[in-house]
Amino acid sequence: MEKTEKQIEKDVFRIVKDSELKNVIGGSFYRAGMRPKNAMTEDVVVKFLTGIDGQEQSGIVLIHIYVSDIPASNDGELVENITRIDNLEKLLNNIMSDIENDEYLFVKDGTPKSFPVEGIAQHYINLRLHYRRKTF
């Protein structure tokens, strides 16, 4: 039986929330659209991006980890927290490389990469996670 976008997102959300990240992240775990707009906490967001149905469902789910910027100097300018992002990228890389699940086969679809968040002093790590799931 095929699953919907929201069902797949929910499945991956549970898998990510139960991973080693739960012991490292200072904030909360959210599904797409649920994280408060001006949150300054270190949070994880799981978002369904795309999928194809058939005997095997496949697609991409995004995993974002938000990290607050830090002061660069005494002038108060905020910059990317490179050390924290580097550590989280390594951890995310390891977790997603070793992830096992009875229903899904996961493969990273690229290297984790950080981007600035518009409007707030944070960056987020983006990981594209390719999934495959048999429907028969």
C-alpha atoms as a PDB file:
ATOM      1  CA  MET A   1       0.000   0.000   0.000  1.00  0.00           C
ATOM      2  CA  GLU A   2       1.289   3.439  -0.928  1.00  0.00           C
ATOM      3  CA  LYS A   3       1.769   6.106   1.711  1.00  0.00           C
ATOM      4  CA  THR A   4       1.007   9.801   1.404  1.00  0.00           C
ATOM      5  CA  GLU A   5       3.397  12.712   1.721  1.00  0.00           C
ATOM      6  CA  LYS A   6       2.322  13.378   5.316  1.00  0.00           C
ATOM      7  CA  GLN A   7       2.629   9.701   6.304  1.00  0.00           C
ATOM      8  CA  ILE A   8       6.159   9.477   4.918  1.00  0.00           C
ATOM      9  CA  GLU A   9       7.131  12.763   6.584  1.00  0.00           C
ATOM     10  CA  LYS A  10       5.721  11.483   9.888  1.00  0.00           C
ATOM     11  CA  ASP A  11       7.646   8.187   9.580  1.00  0.00           C
ATOM     12  CA  VAL A  12      10.951   9.944   8.884  1.00  0.00           C
ATOM     13  CA  PHE A  13      10.248  12.470  11.665  1.00  0.00           C
ATOM     14  CA  ARG A  14       9.883   9.621  14.176  1.00  0.00           C
ATOM     15  CA  ILE A  15      13.056   7.929  12.941  1.00  0.00           C
ATOM     16  CA  VAL A  16      15.084  11.159  13.184  1.00  0.00           C
ATOM     17  CA  LYS A  17      13.587  12.086  16.576  1.00  0.00           C
ATOM     18  CA  ASP A  18      14.549   8.649  17.950  1.00  0.00           C
ATOM     19  CA  SER A  19      18.118   8.897  16.620  1.00  0.00           C
ATOM     20  CA  GLU A  20      21.223  10.011  18.498  1.00  0.00           C
ATOM     21  CA  LEU A  21      20.262  13.603  17.663  1.00  0.00           C
ATOM     22  CA  LYS A  22      17.773  13.573  20.568  1.00  0.00           C
ATOM     23  CA  ASN A  23      20.742  13.503  22.984  1.00  0.00           C
ATOM     24  CA  VAL A  24      22.561  16.385  21.293  1.00  0.00           C
ATOM     25  CA  ILE A  25      19.990  18.949  20.146  1.00  0.00           C
ATOM     26  CA  GLY A  26      19.184  21.655  22.692  1.00  0.00           C
ATOM     27  CA  GLY A  27      15.789  22.536  21.232  1.00  0.00           C
ATOM     28  CA  SER A  28      12.883  20.585  19.779  1.00  0.00           C
ATOM     29  CA  PHE A  29      11.976  18.418  16.805  1.00  0.00           C
ATOM     30  CA  TYR A  30       9.348  19.657  14.345  1.00  0.00           C
ATOM     31  CA  ARG A  31       7.631  18.621  11.162  1.00  0.00           C
ATOM     32  CA  ALA A  32       7.440  21.070   8.252  1.00  0.00           C
ATOM     33  CA  GLY A  33       5.671  24.332   9.063  1.00  0.00           C
ATOM     34  CA  MET A  34       5.480  23.690  12.811  1.00  0.00           C
ATOM     35  CA  ARG A  35       8.643  25.465  14.032  1.00  0.00           C
ATOM     36  CA  PRO A  36       7.910  28.974  15.401  1.00  0.00           C
ATOM     37  CA  LYS A  37       9.076  31.647  12.935  1.00  0.00           C
ATOM     38  CA  ASN A  38      11.338  33.535  15.327  1.00  0.00           C
ATOM     39  CA  ALA A  39      12.614  30.556  17.304  1.00  0.00           C
ATOM     40  CA  MET A  40      16.214  31.009  18.391  1.00  0.00           C
ATOM     41  CA  THR A  41      16.602  27.465  19.710  1.00  0.00           C
ATOM     42  CA  GLU A  42      18.649  24.677  18.205  1.00  0.00           C
ATOM     43  CA  ASP A  43      15.895  22.684  16.493  1.00  0.00           C
ATOM     44  CA  VAL A  44      15.462  19.902  13.949  1.00  0.00           C
ATOM     45  CA  VAL A  45      12.836  20.126  11.207  1.00  0.00           C
ATOM     46  CA  VAL A  46      11.848  17.225   8.932  1.00  0.00           C
ATOM     47  CA  LYS A  47      10.152  18.136   5.654  1.00  0.00           C
ATOM     48  CA  PHE A  48       8.870  15.987   2.788  1.00  0.00           C
ATOM     49  CA  LEU A  49      10.180  17.411  -0.506  1.00  0.00           C
ATOM     50  CA  THR A  50       9.166  15.070  -3.312  1.00  0.00           C
ATOM     51  CA  GLY A  51       8.031  11.541  -4.010  1.00  0.00           C
ATOM     52  CA  ILE A  52       7.156   9.108  -6.774  1.00  0.00           C
ATOM     53  CA  ASP A  53       4.567   6.354  -6.357  1.00  0.00           C
ATOM     54  CA  GLY A  54       4.643   2.856  -7.789  1.00  0.00           C
ATOM     55  CA  GLN A  55       5.660  -0.623  -6.671  1.00  0.00           C
ATOM     56  CA  GLU A  56       8.475   1.221  -4.980  1.00  0.00           C
ATOM     57  CA  GLN A  57       7.885   4.681  -3.562  1.00  0.00           C
ATOM     58  CA  SER A  58      10.910   6.933  -3.642  1.00  0.00           C
ATOM     59  CA  GLY A  59      11.698  10.553  -3.036  1.00  0.00           C
ATOM     60  CA  ILE A  60      13.499  13.124  -0.936  1.00  0.00           C
ATOM     61  CA  VAL A  61      12.948  14.246   2.644  1.00  0.00           C
ATOM     62  CA  LEU A  62      14.835  17.247   4.015  1.00  0.00           C
ATOM     63  CA  ILE A  63      16.368  17.380   7.462  1.00  0.00           C
ATOM     64  CA  HIS A  64      17.219  20.870   8.752  1.00  0.00           C
ATOM     65  CA  ILE A  65      19.084  21.594  11.967  1.00  0.00           C
ATOM     66  CA  TYR A  66      18.919  25.231  13.105  1.00  0.00           C
ATOM     67  CA  VAL A  67      21.876  26.730  14.976  1.00  0.00           C
ATOM     68  CA  SER A  68      22.038  30.257  16.442  1.00  0.00           C
ATOM     69  CA  ASP A  69      24.758  32.584  15.226  1.00  0.00           C
ATOM     70  CA  ILE A  70      27.434  33.755  17.663  1.00  0.00           C
ATOM     71  CA  PRO A  71      29.214  37.101  18.177  1.00  0.00           C
ATOM     72  CA  ALA A  72      32.302  37.464  15.975  1.00  0.00           C
ATOM     73  CA  SER A  73      33.906  40.234  17.987  1.00  0.00           C
ATOM     74  CA  ASN A  74      33.241  42.945  20.531  1.00  0.00           C
ATOM     75  CA  ASP A  75      31.249  44.980  17.990  1.00  0.00           C
ATOM     76  CA  GLY A  76      28.290  42.588  18.321  1.00  0.00           C
ATOM     77  CA  GLU A  77      28.337  41.309  14.739  1.00  0.00           C
ATOM     78  CA  LEU A  78      26.863  37.797  14.604  1.00  0.00           C
ATOM     79  CA  VAL A  79      28.339  35.060  12.422  1.00  0.00           C
ATOM     80  CA  GLU A  80      27.763  31.402  11.708  1.00  0.00           C
ATOM     81  CA  ASN A  81      28.710  29.120  14.614  1.00  0.00           C
ATOM     82  CA  ILE A  82      31.123  27.130  12.469  1.00  0.00           C
ATOM     83  CA  THR A  83      32.354  24.850  15.250  1.00  0.00           C
ATOM     84  CA  ARG A  84      28.853  23.771  16.310  1.00  0.00           C
ATOM     85  CA  ILE A  85      27.673  23.376  12.724  1.00  0.00           C
ATOM     86  CA  ASP A  86      30.758  21.317  11.859  1.00  0.00           C
ATOM     87  CA  ASN A  87      30.102  18.980  14.800  1.00  0.00           C
ATOM     88  CA  LEU A  88      26.415  18.608  13.951  1.00  0.00           C
ATOM     89  CA  GLU A  89      27.139  18.020  10.253  1.00  0.00           C
ATOM     90  CA  LYS A  90      29.554  15.210  11.159  1.00  0.00           C
ATOM     91  CA  LEU A  91      27.028  13.662  13.543  1.00  0.00           C
ATOM     92  CA  LEU A  92      24.186  13.963  11.018  1.00  0.00           C
ATOM     93  CA  ASN A  93      26.398  12.442   8.339  1.00  0.00           C
ATOM     94  CA  ASN A  94      27.216   9.471  10.576  1.00  0.00           C
ATOM     95  CA  ILE A  95      23.640   8.934  11.758  1.00  0.00           C
ATOM     96  CA  MET A  96      22.186   9.030   8.259  1.00  0.00           C
ATOM     97  CA  SER A  97      24.933   6.841   6.809  1.00  0.00           C
ATOM     98  CA  ASP A  98      24.221   4.120   9.375  1.00  0.00           C
ATOM     99  CA  ILE A  99      20.440   4.449   9.633  1.00  0.00           C
ATOM    100  CA  GLU A 100      18.551   1.170   9.317  1.00  0.00           C
ATOM    101  CA  ASN A 101      14.813   0.691   9.065  1.00  0.00           C
ATOM    102  CA  ASP A 102      12.607  -2.290   8.192  1.00  0.00           C
ATOM    103  CA  GLU A 103      10.317  -0.279   5.919  1.00  0.00           C
ATOM    104  CA  TYR A 104      12.609   2.266   4.265  1.00  0.00           C
ATOM    105  CA  LEU A 105      16.014   2.290   2.626  1.00  0.00           C
ATOM    106  CA  PHE A 106      17.721   5.646   3.170  1.00  0.00           C
ATOM    107  CA  VAL A 107      20.659   7.110   1.274  1.00  0.00           C
ATOM    108  CA  LYS A 108      22.053  10.606   1.706  1.00  0.00           C
ATOM    109  CA  ASP A 109      21.442  12.705  -1.396  1.00  0.00           C
ATOM    110  CA  GLY A 110      24.453  14.964  -1.057  1.00  0.00           C
ATOM    111  CA  THR A 111      26.669  16.403   1.638  1.00  0.00           C
ATOM    112  CA  PRO A 112      25.152  18.267   4.603  1.00  0.00           C
ATOM    113  CA  LYS A 113      25.518  22.004   3.965  1.00  0.00           C
ATOM    114  CA  SER A 114      24.715  25.116   6.010  1.00  0.00           C
ATOM    115  CA  PHE A 115      22.738  28.165   4.881  1.00  0.00           C
ATOM    116  CA  PRO A 116      21.772  31.454   6.580  1.00  0.00           C
ATOM    117  CA  VAL A 117      18.178  31.819   7.787  1.00  0.00           C
ATOM    118  CA  GLU A 118      16.535  35.000   6.496  1.00  0.00           C
ATOM    119  CA  GLY A 119      15.342  37.425   9.125  1.00  0.00           C
ATOM    120  CA  ILE A 120      16.927  35.819  12.196  1.00  0.00           C
ATOM    121  CA  ALA A 121      20.508  35.293  13.389  1.00  0.00           C
ATOM    122  CA  GLN A 122      20.700  31.579  12.648  1.00  0.00           C
ATOM    123  CA  HIS A 123      22.040  29.161  10.092  1.00  0.00           C
ATOM    124  CA  TYR A 124      20.579  25.777   9.270  1.00  0.00           C
ATOM    125  CA  ILE A 125      22.179  22.568   8.152  1.00  0.00           C
ATOM    126  CA  ASN A 126      20.398  20.995   5.201  1.00  0.00           C
ATOM    127  CA  LEU A 127      20.568  17.277   4.484  1.00  0.00           C
ATOM    128  CA  ARG A 128      18.661  15.737   1.600  1.00  0.00           C
ATOM    129  CA  LEU A 129      17.710  12.180   2.457  1.00  0.00           C
ATOM    130  CA  HIS A 130      16.633   9.899  -0.388  1.00  0.00           C
ATOM    131  CA  TYR A 131      14.161   7.196   0.619  1.00  0.00           C
ATOM    132  CA  ARG A 132      12.903   4.034  -1.082  1.00  0.00           C
ATOM    133  CA  ARG A 133       9.949   2.003   0.142  1.00  0.00           C
ATOM    134  CA  LYS A 134       8.370  -1.129  -1.349  1.00  0.00           C
ATOM    135  CA  THR A 135       4.575  -0.947  -1.644  1.00  0.00           C
ATOM    136  CA  PHE A 136       3.829  -4.607  -2.380  1.00  0.00           C
END
